[in-house]
N, C-alpha and C. Protein backbone atom coordinates (compact mmCIF):
# COMPACT_ATOMS: atom_id res chain seq x y z
N MET A 1 -6.87 -58.32 -46.45
CA MET A 1 -7.42 -58.72 -47.72
C MET A 1 -6.50 -58.28 -48.85
N SER A 2 -5.83 -57.17 -48.69
CA SER A 2 -4.93 -56.67 -49.71
C SER A 2 -3.81 -57.67 -50.02
N THR A 3 -3.21 -58.25 -48.97
CA THR A 3 -2.14 -59.22 -49.19
C THR A 3 -2.65 -60.48 -49.86
N LEU A 4 -3.89 -60.85 -49.58
CA LEU A 4 -4.50 -62.01 -50.24
C LEU A 4 -4.69 -61.74 -51.72
N LEU A 5 -5.25 -60.59 -52.04
CA LEU A 5 -5.52 -60.24 -53.45
C LEU A 5 -4.24 -60.07 -54.26
N LYS A 6 -3.17 -59.65 -53.60
CA LYS A 6 -1.88 -59.49 -54.28
C LYS A 6 -1.14 -60.82 -54.42
N GLY A 7 -1.67 -61.86 -53.78
CA GLY A 7 -1.06 -63.18 -53.88
C GLY A 7 0.07 -63.40 -52.89
N ASN A 8 0.15 -62.57 -51.87
CA ASN A 8 1.24 -62.70 -50.90
C ASN A 8 0.93 -63.69 -49.78
N VAL A 9 -0.33 -64.01 -49.58
CA VAL A 9 -0.73 -65.02 -48.58
C VAL A 9 -1.81 -65.89 -49.20
N SER A 10 -1.96 -67.10 -48.65
CA SER A 10 -3.03 -67.97 -49.14
C SER A 10 -4.29 -67.75 -48.30
N LEU A 11 -5.38 -68.22 -48.81
CA LEU A 11 -6.68 -68.05 -48.17
C LEU A 11 -6.80 -68.97 -46.96
N SER A 12 -6.96 -68.40 -45.79
CA SER A 12 -7.13 -69.19 -44.58
C SER A 12 -8.60 -69.62 -44.45
N ALA A 13 -8.84 -70.57 -43.58
CA ALA A 13 -10.22 -71.02 -43.34
C ALA A 13 -11.07 -69.88 -42.78
N ASP A 14 -10.49 -69.11 -41.86
CA ASP A 14 -11.23 -67.98 -41.28
C ASP A 14 -11.59 -66.95 -42.34
N MET A 15 -10.64 -66.64 -43.21
CA MET A 15 -10.90 -65.66 -44.26
C MET A 15 -11.96 -66.19 -45.25
N ALA A 16 -11.92 -67.48 -45.54
CA ALA A 16 -12.92 -68.08 -46.43
C ALA A 16 -14.32 -67.94 -45.83
N ILE A 17 -14.44 -68.14 -44.53
CA ILE A 17 -15.74 -67.99 -43.87
C ILE A 17 -16.18 -66.54 -43.90
N ARG A 18 -15.26 -65.62 -43.74
CA ARG A 18 -15.60 -64.20 -43.82
C ARG A 18 -16.13 -63.85 -45.21
N PHE A 19 -15.48 -64.36 -46.25
CA PHE A 19 -15.95 -64.13 -47.62
C PHE A 19 -17.33 -64.75 -47.82
N GLU A 20 -17.54 -65.94 -47.27
CA GLU A 20 -18.85 -66.59 -47.38
C GLU A 20 -19.93 -65.72 -46.76
N LYS A 21 -19.67 -65.20 -45.58
CA LYS A 21 -20.66 -64.36 -44.91
C LYS A 21 -20.88 -63.04 -45.64
N ALA A 22 -19.82 -62.47 -46.19
CA ALA A 22 -19.93 -61.17 -46.84
C ALA A 22 -20.51 -61.26 -48.25
N PHE A 23 -20.11 -62.29 -49.01
CA PHE A 23 -20.46 -62.34 -50.44
C PHE A 23 -21.32 -63.53 -50.84
N GLY A 24 -21.53 -64.49 -49.91
CA GLY A 24 -22.38 -65.63 -50.23
C GLY A 24 -21.68 -66.74 -51.01
N VAL A 25 -20.38 -66.63 -51.19
CA VAL A 25 -19.62 -67.69 -51.88
C VAL A 25 -19.24 -68.73 -50.85
N ARG A 26 -19.52 -70.00 -51.13
CA ARG A 26 -19.25 -71.06 -50.16
C ARG A 26 -17.76 -71.14 -49.79
N ALA A 27 -17.49 -71.17 -48.50
CA ALA A 27 -16.11 -71.26 -48.01
C ALA A 27 -15.43 -72.53 -48.53
N ASP A 28 -16.17 -73.61 -48.64
CA ASP A 28 -15.62 -74.88 -49.13
C ASP A 28 -15.08 -74.71 -50.55
N ASN A 29 -15.85 -74.02 -51.39
CA ASN A 29 -15.43 -73.80 -52.78
C ASN A 29 -14.18 -72.93 -52.82
N LEU A 30 -14.15 -71.90 -52.01
CA LEU A 30 -12.98 -71.02 -51.98
C LEU A 30 -11.73 -71.77 -51.54
N ARG A 31 -11.86 -72.63 -50.53
CA ARG A 31 -10.71 -73.41 -50.05
C ARG A 31 -10.24 -74.40 -51.11
N ARG A 32 -11.20 -75.03 -51.83
CA ARG A 32 -10.81 -75.95 -52.91
C ARG A 32 -10.05 -75.20 -54.01
N MET A 33 -10.53 -74.00 -54.33
CA MET A 33 -9.86 -73.20 -55.35
C MET A 33 -8.46 -72.82 -54.89
N GLN A 34 -8.30 -72.48 -53.61
CA GLN A 34 -6.98 -72.14 -53.08
C GLN A 34 -6.04 -73.33 -53.15
N LYS A 35 -6.55 -74.52 -52.79
CA LYS A 35 -5.73 -75.73 -52.84
C LYS A 35 -5.28 -76.03 -54.27
N ALA A 36 -6.20 -75.91 -55.22
CA ALA A 36 -5.87 -76.16 -56.63
C ALA A 36 -4.83 -75.16 -57.13
N TYR A 37 -4.97 -73.91 -56.74
CA TYR A 37 -4.02 -72.87 -57.14
C TYR A 37 -2.63 -73.15 -56.55
N SER A 38 -2.59 -73.50 -55.28
CA SER A 38 -1.31 -73.79 -54.62
C SER A 38 -0.62 -74.98 -55.27
N LEU A 39 -1.38 -76.03 -55.59
CA LEU A 39 -0.80 -77.20 -56.24
C LEU A 39 -0.30 -76.85 -57.64
N ALA A 40 -1.04 -76.05 -58.38
CA ALA A 40 -0.62 -75.65 -59.72
C ALA A 40 0.69 -74.86 -59.67
N ARG A 41 0.82 -74.00 -58.67
CA ARG A 41 2.08 -73.24 -58.52
C ARG A 41 3.24 -74.16 -58.20
N ALA A 42 3.01 -75.17 -57.36
CA ALA A 42 4.06 -76.13 -57.04
C ALA A 42 4.42 -76.96 -58.26
N ARG A 43 3.42 -77.37 -59.02
CA ARG A 43 3.66 -78.15 -60.24
C ARG A 43 4.49 -77.38 -61.26
N ALA A 44 4.35 -76.08 -61.26
CA ALA A 44 5.07 -75.25 -62.23
C ALA A 44 6.59 -75.37 -62.05
N HIS A 45 7.04 -75.74 -60.88
CA HIS A 45 8.48 -75.90 -60.66
C HIS A 45 8.82 -77.26 -60.05
N GLU A 46 8.01 -78.27 -60.36
CA GLU A 46 8.23 -79.59 -59.77
C GLU A 46 9.56 -80.21 -60.19
N ASP A 47 10.10 -79.81 -61.34
CA ASP A 47 11.38 -80.34 -61.77
C ASP A 47 12.52 -79.92 -60.83
N GLU A 48 12.30 -78.89 -60.04
CA GLU A 48 13.30 -78.43 -59.07
C GLU A 48 13.23 -79.21 -57.76
N ILE A 49 12.17 -79.98 -57.57
CA ILE A 49 11.98 -80.75 -56.34
C ILE A 49 12.64 -82.11 -56.53
N LYS A 50 13.71 -82.33 -55.81
CA LYS A 50 14.48 -83.57 -55.95
C LYS A 50 14.19 -84.51 -54.79
N VAL A 51 13.54 -85.63 -55.12
CA VAL A 51 13.22 -86.64 -54.13
C VAL A 51 13.41 -88.00 -54.78
N GLY A 52 14.06 -88.90 -54.06
CA GLY A 52 14.24 -90.24 -54.57
C GLY A 52 13.02 -91.09 -54.26
N LYS A 53 12.81 -92.12 -55.05
CA LYS A 53 11.69 -93.04 -54.85
C LYS A 53 11.90 -93.80 -53.56
N PHE A 54 10.86 -93.96 -52.76
CA PHE A 54 10.93 -94.68 -51.51
C PHE A 54 10.97 -96.16 -51.79
N ALA A 55 11.97 -96.84 -51.22
CA ALA A 55 12.10 -98.29 -51.42
C ALA A 55 11.60 -99.00 -50.17
N GLU A 56 10.57 -99.79 -50.34
CA GLU A 56 10.00 -100.53 -49.21
C GLU A 56 10.89 -101.70 -48.88
N THR A 57 11.14 -101.90 -47.59
CA THR A 57 11.96 -103.04 -47.18
C THR A 57 11.07 -104.08 -46.51
N ALA A 58 11.42 -105.32 -46.70
CA ALA A 58 10.62 -106.42 -46.15
C ALA A 58 11.04 -106.79 -44.76
């Protein structure tokens, strides 16, 4: 739990269920929050991600 709280690991499904059982917070909500946080962190440096547009061929 320490590594999770320090931000060194992301919330796993198993850990979310443990939190649900211990604190009554829905695991689904915790996982959604983790996904949103992870995406926000990626967006913070999206200009560093270099990918060309995919060109569909007929």
